[in-house]
Amino acid sequence: MKTFIGADHAGFKLKEKLKPYLTKLKYQVIDFGNKKYQENDDYPIYGNRVAKAVAKNKNSFGILICGSGQGVCIVANKVKGIRAALAEDTRDAYLARRDDNCNIICLQGRYTNLDKAKIIVKMFLETKFKALKRYKRRINEIKKLEK
């Protein structure tokens, strides 16, 4: 499964450490940058790249990392077809997938260590959407807002 990943300077180190872990789990990891550490880069560039790739590739996922996770989440949610969620723990990741069928997970590069990031991302990628009538109805309401 294609998994697009991106991060600014505050998430760069965590992104680089997550990539081999994701590959080990048999995900096809596509890195949208930044490709090298740049102290003054801006998260909207990477958030937008990943979100557009996820929107174009059905059944793919995205992982975005910035300092707080909030910035990349805001950017990703501007792209039609994207439902991005900030996850501070596995519960957040689980519910984002199960209830809201989110396709991008956002992490806090400044506050999430590698071990915690691994379990959050694994939970997100392995959780299936529980297609209950009420969940589908709510997602359809969101889609109407995108028009």
N, C-alpha and C. Protein backbone atom coordinates (compact mmCIF):
# COMPACT_ATOMS: atom_id res chain seq x y z
N MET A 1 0.84 -1.18 0.00
CA MET A 1 0.00 0.00 0.00
C MET A 1 0.88 1.25 0.00
N LYS A 2 0.50 2.21 -0.82
CA LYS A 2 1.26 3.45 -0.88
C LYS A 2 1.02 4.28 0.37
N THR A 3 2.11 4.74 0.93
CA THR A 3 2.07 5.61 2.10
C THR A 3 2.98 6.80 1.81
N PHE A 4 2.35 7.96 1.70
CA PHE A 4 3.09 9.19 1.42
C PHE A 4 3.46 9.85 2.74
N ILE A 5 4.67 10.38 2.81
CA ILE A 5 5.15 10.97 4.05
C ILE A 5 5.82 12.31 3.76
N GLY A 6 5.66 13.24 4.69
CA GLY A 6 6.30 14.54 4.54
C GLY A 6 6.46 15.21 5.89
N ALA A 7 7.46 16.08 5.97
CA ALA A 7 7.73 16.78 7.23
C ALA A 7 8.56 18.02 6.98
N ASP A 8 8.37 19.00 7.85
CA ASP A 8 9.25 20.17 7.84
C ASP A 8 10.43 19.90 8.76
N HIS A 9 11.20 20.94 9.05
CA HIS A 9 12.39 20.80 9.89
C HIS A 9 12.09 20.20 11.27
N ALA A 10 10.94 20.54 11.84
CA ALA A 10 10.61 20.06 13.19
C ALA A 10 10.23 18.58 13.20
N GLY A 11 9.87 18.04 12.05
CA GLY A 11 9.52 16.63 11.96
C GLY A 11 10.48 15.80 11.14
N PHE A 12 11.51 16.45 10.62
CA PHE A 12 12.44 15.78 9.70
C PHE A 12 13.08 14.53 10.29
N LYS A 13 13.64 14.64 11.48
CA LYS A 13 14.34 13.49 12.08
C LYS A 13 13.38 12.33 12.33
N LEU A 14 12.19 12.64 12.81
CA LEU A 14 11.20 11.59 13.07
C LEU A 14 10.78 10.94 11.75
N LYS A 15 10.57 11.72 10.73
CA LYS A 15 10.21 11.19 9.41
C LYS A 15 11.26 10.21 8.91
N GLU A 16 12.51 10.63 9.00
CA GLU A 16 13.60 9.79 8.51
C GLU A 16 13.70 8.48 9.28
N LYS A 17 13.38 8.51 10.56
CA LYS A 17 13.42 7.28 11.37
C LYS A 17 12.20 6.40 11.15
N LEU A 18 11.08 6.99 10.77
CA LEU A 18 9.87 6.20 10.52
C LEU A 18 9.92 5.46 9.19
N LYS A 19 10.59 6.01 8.21
CA LYS A 19 10.60 5.40 6.87
C LYS A 19 11.06 3.95 6.86
N PRO A 20 12.20 3.60 7.48
CA PRO A 20 12.60 2.18 7.46
C PRO A 20 11.62 1.28 8.22
N TYR A 21 11.03 1.80 9.26
CA TYR A 21 10.03 1.04 10.01
C TYR A 21 8.83 0.72 9.12
N LEU A 22 8.35 1.70 8.38
CA LEU A 22 7.21 1.50 7.49
C LEU A 22 7.55 0.52 6.36
N THR A 23 8.75 0.62 5.85
CA THR A 23 9.20 -0.30 4.81
C THR A 23 9.24 -1.73 5.36
N LYS A 24 9.70 -1.87 6.58
CA LYS A 24 9.74 -3.19 7.23
C LYS A 24 8.33 -3.78 7.37
N LEU A 25 7.34 -2.90 7.57
CA LEU A 25 5.95 -3.35 7.67
C LEU A 25 5.32 -3.59 6.29
N LYS A 26 6.12 -3.47 5.24
CA LYS A 26 5.70 -3.74 3.86
C LYS A 26 4.86 -2.63 3.22
N TYR A 27 5.01 -1.41 3.70
CA TYR A 27 4.36 -0.28 3.06
C TYR A 27 5.31 0.32 2.02
N GLN A 28 4.74 0.76 0.92
CA GLN A 28 5.52 1.46 -0.11
C GLN A 28 5.59 2.92 0.31
N VAL A 29 6.73 3.36 0.78
CA VAL A 29 6.89 4.71 1.33
C VAL A 29 7.39 5.66 0.25
N ILE A 30 6.64 6.73 0.06
CA ILE A 30 7.02 7.76 -0.90
C ILE A 30 7.20 9.06 -0.13
N ASP A 31 8.42 9.56 -0.15
CA ASP A 31 8.80 10.74 0.64
C ASP A 31 8.65 12.01 -0.19
N PHE A 32 7.78 12.90 0.27
CA PHE A 32 7.56 14.17 -0.40
C PHE A 32 8.32 15.32 0.24
N GLY A 33 9.29 14.99 1.06
CA GLY A 33 10.17 16.03 1.61
C GLY A 33 9.82 16.44 3.02
N ASN A 34 10.61 17.20 3.50
CA ASN A 34 11.82 17.70 2.88
C ASN A 34 12.85 16.56 2.79
N LYS A 35 13.67 16.61 1.78
CA LYS A 35 14.65 15.55 1.55
C LYS A 35 15.92 15.74 2.36
N LYS A 36 16.15 16.97 2.82
CA LYS A 36 17.29 17.24 3.70
C LYS A 36 16.83 18.25 4.74
N TYR A 37 17.51 18.25 5.86
CA TYR A 37 17.14 19.16 6.94
C TYR A 37 17.40 20.60 6.52
N GLN A 38 16.37 21.43 6.64
CA GLN A 38 16.50 22.87 6.39
C GLN A 38 15.76 23.59 7.51
N GLU A 39 16.50 24.29 8.32
CA GLU A 39 15.94 24.92 9.52
C GLU A 39 14.78 25.88 9.23
N ASN A 40 14.78 26.52 8.08
CA ASN A 40 13.76 27.52 7.80
C ASN A 40 12.73 27.10 6.75
N ASP A 41 12.54 25.80 6.56
CA ASP A 41 11.53 25.38 5.60
C ASP A 41 10.13 25.56 6.19
N ASP A 42 9.12 25.44 5.35
CA ASP A 42 7.74 25.71 5.76
C ASP A 42 6.85 24.50 5.54
N TYR A 43 6.10 24.13 6.57
CA TYR A 43 5.26 22.94 6.52
C TYR A 43 4.18 22.95 5.44
N PRO A 44 3.62 24.10 5.02
CA PRO A 44 2.57 24.03 4.00
C PRO A 44 3.00 23.34 2.70
N ILE A 45 4.26 23.47 2.35
CA ILE A 45 4.77 22.84 1.12
C ILE A 45 4.59 21.32 1.20
N TYR A 46 5.04 20.72 2.29
CA TYR A 46 5.03 19.26 2.43
C TYR A 46 3.63 18.74 2.73
N GLY A 47 2.88 19.50 3.52
CA GLY A 47 1.51 19.11 3.80
C GLY A 47 0.67 19.05 2.54
N ASN A 48 0.83 20.04 1.68
CA ASN A 48 0.08 20.09 0.43
C ASN A 48 0.51 18.98 -0.53
N ARG A 49 1.79 18.73 -0.63
CA ARG A 49 2.28 17.67 -1.53
C ARG A 49 1.71 16.31 -1.14
N VAL A 50 1.79 15.99 0.14
CA VAL A 50 1.29 14.70 0.61
C VAL A 50 -0.22 14.61 0.44
N ALA A 51 -0.93 15.65 0.81
CA ALA A 51 -2.39 15.62 0.71
C ALA A 51 -2.85 15.44 -0.74
N LYS A 52 -2.23 16.13 -1.66
CA LYS A 52 -2.60 15.97 -3.08
C LYS A 52 -2.31 14.56 -3.58
N ALA A 53 -1.21 13.98 -3.15
CA ALA A 53 -0.87 12.61 -3.55
C ALA A 53 -1.88 11.61 -3.00
N VAL A 54 -2.25 11.77 -1.75
CA VAL A 54 -3.24 10.87 -1.15
C VAL A 54 -4.59 11.02 -1.86
N ALA A 55 -4.97 12.24 -2.14
CA ALA A 55 -6.25 12.49 -2.82
C ALA A 55 -6.29 11.84 -4.21
N LYS A 56 -5.16 11.77 -4.88
CA LYS A 56 -5.09 11.21 -6.23
C LYS A 56 -4.92 9.69 -6.24
N ASN A 57 -4.49 9.12 -5.14
CA ASN A 57 -4.20 7.68 -5.08
C ASN A 57 -5.16 7.00 -4.11
N LYS A 58 -6.22 6.44 -4.67
CA LYS A 58 -7.23 5.78 -3.85
C LYS A 58 -6.60 4.68 -3.00
N ASN A 59 -7.08 4.54 -1.79
CA ASN A 59 -6.62 3.54 -0.83
C ASN A 59 -5.18 3.76 -0.37
N SER A 60 -4.70 4.96 -0.49
CA SER A 60 -3.37 5.29 0.03
C SER A 60 -3.54 6.05 1.34
N PHE A 61 -2.44 6.21 2.05
CA PHE A 61 -2.43 6.96 3.30
C PHE A 61 -1.31 7.98 3.29
N GLY A 62 -1.43 8.94 4.19
CA GLY A 62 -0.39 9.93 4.35
C GLY A 62 0.00 10.08 5.80
N ILE A 63 1.25 10.44 6.01
CA ILE A 63 1.79 10.74 7.34
C ILE A 63 2.48 12.09 7.22
N LEU A 64 2.04 13.02 8.05
CA LEU A 64 2.62 14.37 8.04
C LEU A 64 3.13 14.71 9.43
N ILE A 65 4.27 15.40 9.47
CA ILE A 65 4.88 15.74 10.76
C ILE A 65 5.39 17.18 10.70
N CYS A 66 4.98 17.97 11.68
CA CYS A 66 5.57 19.29 11.91
C CYS A 66 5.73 19.44 13.42
N GLY A 67 6.09 20.58 13.89
CA GLY A 67 6.35 20.75 15.32
C GLY A 67 5.20 20.32 16.20
N SER A 68 4.03 20.90 15.97
CA SER A 68 2.85 20.59 16.79
C SER A 68 1.93 19.59 16.13
N GLY A 69 2.11 19.36 14.85
CA GLY A 69 1.19 18.51 14.09
C GLY A 69 -0.03 19.28 13.59
N GLN A 70 -0.31 20.41 14.20
CA GLN A 70 -1.50 21.19 13.85
C GLN A 70 -1.38 21.83 12.47
N GLY A 71 -0.22 22.41 12.19
CA GLY A 71 -0.04 23.11 10.92
C GLY A 71 -0.26 22.22 9.71
N VAL A 72 0.40 21.06 9.70
CA VAL A 72 0.24 20.16 8.56
C VAL A 72 -1.18 19.62 8.47
N CYS A 73 -1.84 19.48 9.61
CA CYS A 73 -3.22 19.01 9.63
C CYS A 73 -4.15 20.03 8.97
N ILE A 74 -3.94 21.29 9.30
CA ILE A 74 -4.74 22.36 8.69
C ILE A 74 -4.53 22.38 7.17
N VAL A 75 -3.29 22.32 6.75
CA VAL A 75 -2.97 22.35 5.31
C VAL A 75 -3.60 21.15 4.60
N ALA A 76 -3.42 19.97 5.13
CA ALA A 76 -3.94 18.76 4.48
C ALA A 76 -5.45 18.82 4.31
N ASN A 77 -6.13 19.32 5.32
CA ASN A 77 -7.59 19.38 5.27
C ASN A 77 -8.13 20.42 4.29
N LYS A 78 -7.27 21.19 3.67
CA LYS A 78 -7.69 22.13 2.62
C LYS A 78 -7.86 21.43 1.27
N VAL A 79 -7.33 20.23 1.15
CA VAL A 79 -7.36 19.49 -0.11
C VAL A 79 -8.61 18.62 -0.16
N LYS A 80 -9.35 18.74 -1.25
CA LYS A 80 -10.58 17.97 -1.44
C LYS A 80 -10.30 16.47 -1.33
N GLY A 81 -11.13 15.79 -0.55
CA GLY A 81 -11.00 14.35 -0.40
C GLY A 81 -10.12 13.92 0.76
N ILE A 82 -9.54 14.88 1.45
CA ILE A 82 -8.66 14.55 2.57
C ILE A 82 -9.38 14.73 3.89
N ARG A 83 -9.15 13.75 4.74
CA ARG A 83 -9.59 13.83 6.14
C ARG A 83 -8.35 13.52 6.97
N ALA A 84 -7.73 14.57 7.45
CA ALA A 84 -6.49 14.44 8.24
C ALA A 84 -6.81 14.66 9.71
N ALA A 85 -6.10 13.93 10.56
CA ALA A 85 -6.31 14.04 12.01
C ALA A 85 -4.98 14.07 12.74
N LEU A 86 -4.92 14.88 13.76
CA LEU A 86 -3.77 14.91 14.65
C LEU A 86 -3.92 13.77 15.64
N ALA A 87 -2.87 12.99 15.83
CA ALA A 87 -2.92 11.89 16.78
C ALA A 87 -1.79 12.02 17.79
N GLU A 88 -2.17 12.14 19.04
CA GLU A 88 -1.19 12.18 20.13
C GLU A 88 -0.99 10.81 20.75
N ASP A 89 -1.91 9.88 20.45
CA ASP A 89 -1.82 8.53 21.01
C ASP A 89 -2.56 7.55 20.10
N THR A 90 -2.53 6.28 20.47
CA THR A 90 -3.15 5.26 19.63
C THR A 90 -4.67 5.39 19.59
N ARG A 91 -5.26 5.88 20.65
CA ARG A 91 -6.72 6.07 20.66
C ARG A 91 -7.12 7.07 19.58
N ASP A 92 -6.40 8.18 19.50
CA ASP A 92 -6.68 9.17 18.46
C ASP A 92 -6.56 8.55 17.07
N ALA A 93 -5.51 7.79 16.85
CA ALA A 93 -5.27 7.17 15.55
C ALA A 93 -6.37 6.15 15.22
N TYR A 94 -6.74 5.35 16.19
CA TYR A 94 -7.77 4.33 16.02
C TYR A 94 -9.11 4.96 15.66
N LEU A 95 -9.52 5.95 16.42
CA LEU A 95 -10.82 6.57 16.19
C LEU A 95 -10.85 7.37 14.88
N ALA A 96 -9.73 7.97 14.53
CA ALA A 96 -9.66 8.70 13.26
C ALA A 96 -9.93 7.78 12.08
N ARG A 97 -9.43 6.58 12.13
CA ARG A 97 -9.66 5.60 11.06
C ARG A 97 -11.02 4.94 11.19
N ARG A 98 -11.33 4.42 12.37
CA ARG A 98 -12.55 3.64 12.55
C ARG A 98 -13.81 4.46 12.30
N ASP A 99 -13.87 5.65 12.87
CA ASP A 99 -15.10 6.44 12.81
C ASP A 99 -15.15 7.42 11.64
N ASP A 100 -14.00 8.00 11.29
CA ASP A 100 -13.99 9.10 10.32
C ASP A 100 -13.29 8.76 9.01
N ASN A 101 -12.78 7.54 8.90
CA ASN A 101 -12.10 7.09 7.69
C ASN A 101 -11.03 8.08 7.23
N CYS A 102 -10.28 8.60 8.19
CA CYS A 102 -9.21 9.54 7.87
C CYS A 102 -8.16 8.86 7.00
N ASN A 103 -7.57 9.63 6.12
CA ASN A 103 -6.56 9.08 5.23
C ASN A 103 -5.17 9.69 5.44
N ILE A 104 -5.08 10.65 6.35
CA ILE A 104 -3.79 11.21 6.73
C ILE A 104 -3.72 11.35 8.25
N ILE A 105 -2.60 10.92 8.80
CA ILE A 105 -2.34 11.08 10.23
C ILE A 105 -1.25 12.15 10.38
N CYS A 106 -1.44 13.01 11.36
CA CYS A 106 -0.48 14.09 11.61
C CYS A 106 0.14 13.90 12.99
N LEU A 107 1.44 14.05 13.04
CA LEU A 107 2.18 13.82 14.28
C LEU A 107 2.92 15.08 14.72
N GLN A 108 3.18 15.13 16.02
CA GLN A 108 3.91 16.24 16.63
C GLN A 108 5.40 15.91 16.65
N GLY A 109 6.15 16.51 15.77
CA GLY A 109 7.58 16.23 15.69
C GLY A 109 8.35 16.63 16.93
N ARG A 110 7.89 17.65 17.63
CA ARG A 110 8.61 18.12 18.82
C ARG A 110 8.25 17.35 20.08
N TYR A 111 7.15 16.63 20.07
CA TYR A 111 6.66 16.02 21.30
C TYR A 111 6.43 14.52 21.21
N THR A 112 6.72 13.90 20.07
CA THR A 112 6.48 12.47 19.89
C THR A 112 7.80 11.77 19.62
N ASN A 113 8.16 10.83 20.49
CA ASN A 113 9.40 10.08 20.25
C ASN A 113 9.14 8.96 19.25
N LEU A 114 10.20 8.34 18.79
CA LEU A 114 10.08 7.33 17.74
C LEU A 114 9.22 6.14 18.16
N ASP A 115 9.42 5.63 19.35
CA ASP A 115 8.63 4.46 19.79
C ASP A 115 7.14 4.77 19.81
N LYS A 116 6.79 5.93 20.31
CA LYS A 116 5.38 6.33 20.35
C LYS A 116 4.85 6.54 18.94
N ALA A 117 5.64 7.18 18.09
CA ALA A 117 5.22 7.41 16.70
C ALA A 117 4.96 6.09 15.98
N LYS A 118 5.81 5.10 16.22
CA LYS A 118 5.63 3.80 15.57
C LYS A 118 4.29 3.17 15.93
N ILE A 119 3.93 3.19 17.20
CA ILE A 119 2.67 2.54 17.59
C ILE A 119 1.46 3.35 17.12
N ILE A 120 1.58 4.66 17.09
CA ILE A 120 0.49 5.50 16.59
C ILE A 120 0.27 5.24 15.10
N VAL A 121 1.33 5.27 14.34
CA VAL A 121 1.24 5.08 12.89
C VAL A 121 0.76 3.66 12.56
N LYS A 122 1.27 2.68 13.25
CA LYS A 122 0.85 1.29 13.01
C LYS A 122 -0.65 1.13 13.28
N MET A 123 -1.12 1.70 14.38
CA MET A 123 -2.54 1.65 14.70
C MET A 123 -3.36 2.30 13.59
N PHE A 124 -2.93 3.46 13.15
CA PHE A 124 -3.64 4.18 12.10
C PHE A 124 -3.71 3.36 10.81
N LEU A 125 -2.59 2.84 10.38
CA LEU A 125 -2.53 2.12 9.10
C LEU A 125 -3.26 0.78 9.13
N GLU A 126 -3.34 0.17 10.29
CA GLU A 126 -3.96 -1.16 10.39
C GLU A 126 -5.43 -1.14 10.76
N THR A 127 -5.95 0.00 11.19
CA THR A 127 -7.35 0.08 11.58
C THR A 127 -8.23 0.26 10.35
N LYS A 128 -9.28 -0.52 10.29
CA LYS A 128 -10.23 -0.44 9.18
C LYS A 128 -11.37 0.51 9.55
N PHE A 129 -11.91 1.16 8.55
CA PHE A 129 -13.09 2.01 8.72
C PHE A 129 -14.29 1.14 9.05
N LYS A 130 -14.99 1.48 10.10
CA LYS A 130 -16.21 0.77 10.49
C LYS A 130 -17.37 1.49 9.80
N ALA A 131 -17.78 0.97 8.69
CA ALA A 131 -18.72 1.66 7.80
C ALA A 131 -20.15 1.64 8.31
N LEU A 132 -20.34 2.11 9.52
CA LEU A 132 -21.69 2.22 10.06
C LEU A 132 -22.45 3.32 9.31
N LYS A 133 -23.75 3.18 9.28
CA LYS A 133 -24.59 4.14 8.56
C LYS A 133 -24.32 5.58 9.01
N ARG A 134 -24.21 5.79 10.31
CA ARG A 134 -24.01 7.16 10.82
C ARG A 134 -22.64 7.71 10.43
N TYR A 135 -21.62 6.86 10.39
CA TYR A 135 -20.29 7.32 9.99
C TYR A 135 -20.27 7.70 8.51
N LYS A 136 -20.90 6.87 7.69
CA LYS A 136 -20.97 7.17 6.25
C LYS A 136 -21.76 8.45 5.99
N ARG A 137 -22.84 8.62 6.73
CA ARG A 137 -23.66 9.83 6.58
C ARG A 137 -22.84 11.07 6.89
N ARG A 138 -22.07 11.02 7.96
CA ARG A 138 -21.25 12.18 8.36
C ARG A 138 -20.16 12.48 7.34
N ILE A 139 -19.55 11.44 6.81
CA ILE A 139 -18.52 11.65 5.79
C ILE A 139 -19.14 12.25 4.53
N ASN A 140 -20.33 11.81 4.18
CA ASN A 140 -21.01 12.39 3.02
C ASN A 140 -21.35 13.86 3.26
N GLU A 141 -21.67 14.22 4.49
CA GLU A 141 -21.91 15.63 4.82
C GLU A 141 -20.64 16.45 4.63
N ILE A 142 -19.51 15.88 5.01
CA ILE A 142 -18.22 16.56 4.81
C ILE A 142 -17.95 16.73 3.32
N LYS A 143 -18.21 15.70 2.54
CA LYS A 143 -17.98 15.77 1.09
C LYS A 143 -18.82 16.88 0.45
N LYS A 144 -20.03 17.08 0.94
CA LYS A 144 -20.88 18.16 0.42
C LYS A 144 -20.24 19.53 0.68
N LEU A 145 -19.55 19.67 1.78
CA LEU A 145 -18.88 20.93 2.11
C LEU A 145 -17.71 21.22 1.17
N GLU A 146 -17.17 20.18 0.57
CA GLU A 146 -16.01 20.33 -0.31
C GLU A 146 -16.38 20.85 -1.70
N LYS A 147 -17.64 20.85 -2.04
CA LYS A 147 -18.08 21.25 -3.39
C LYS A 147 -18.08 22.75 -3.56
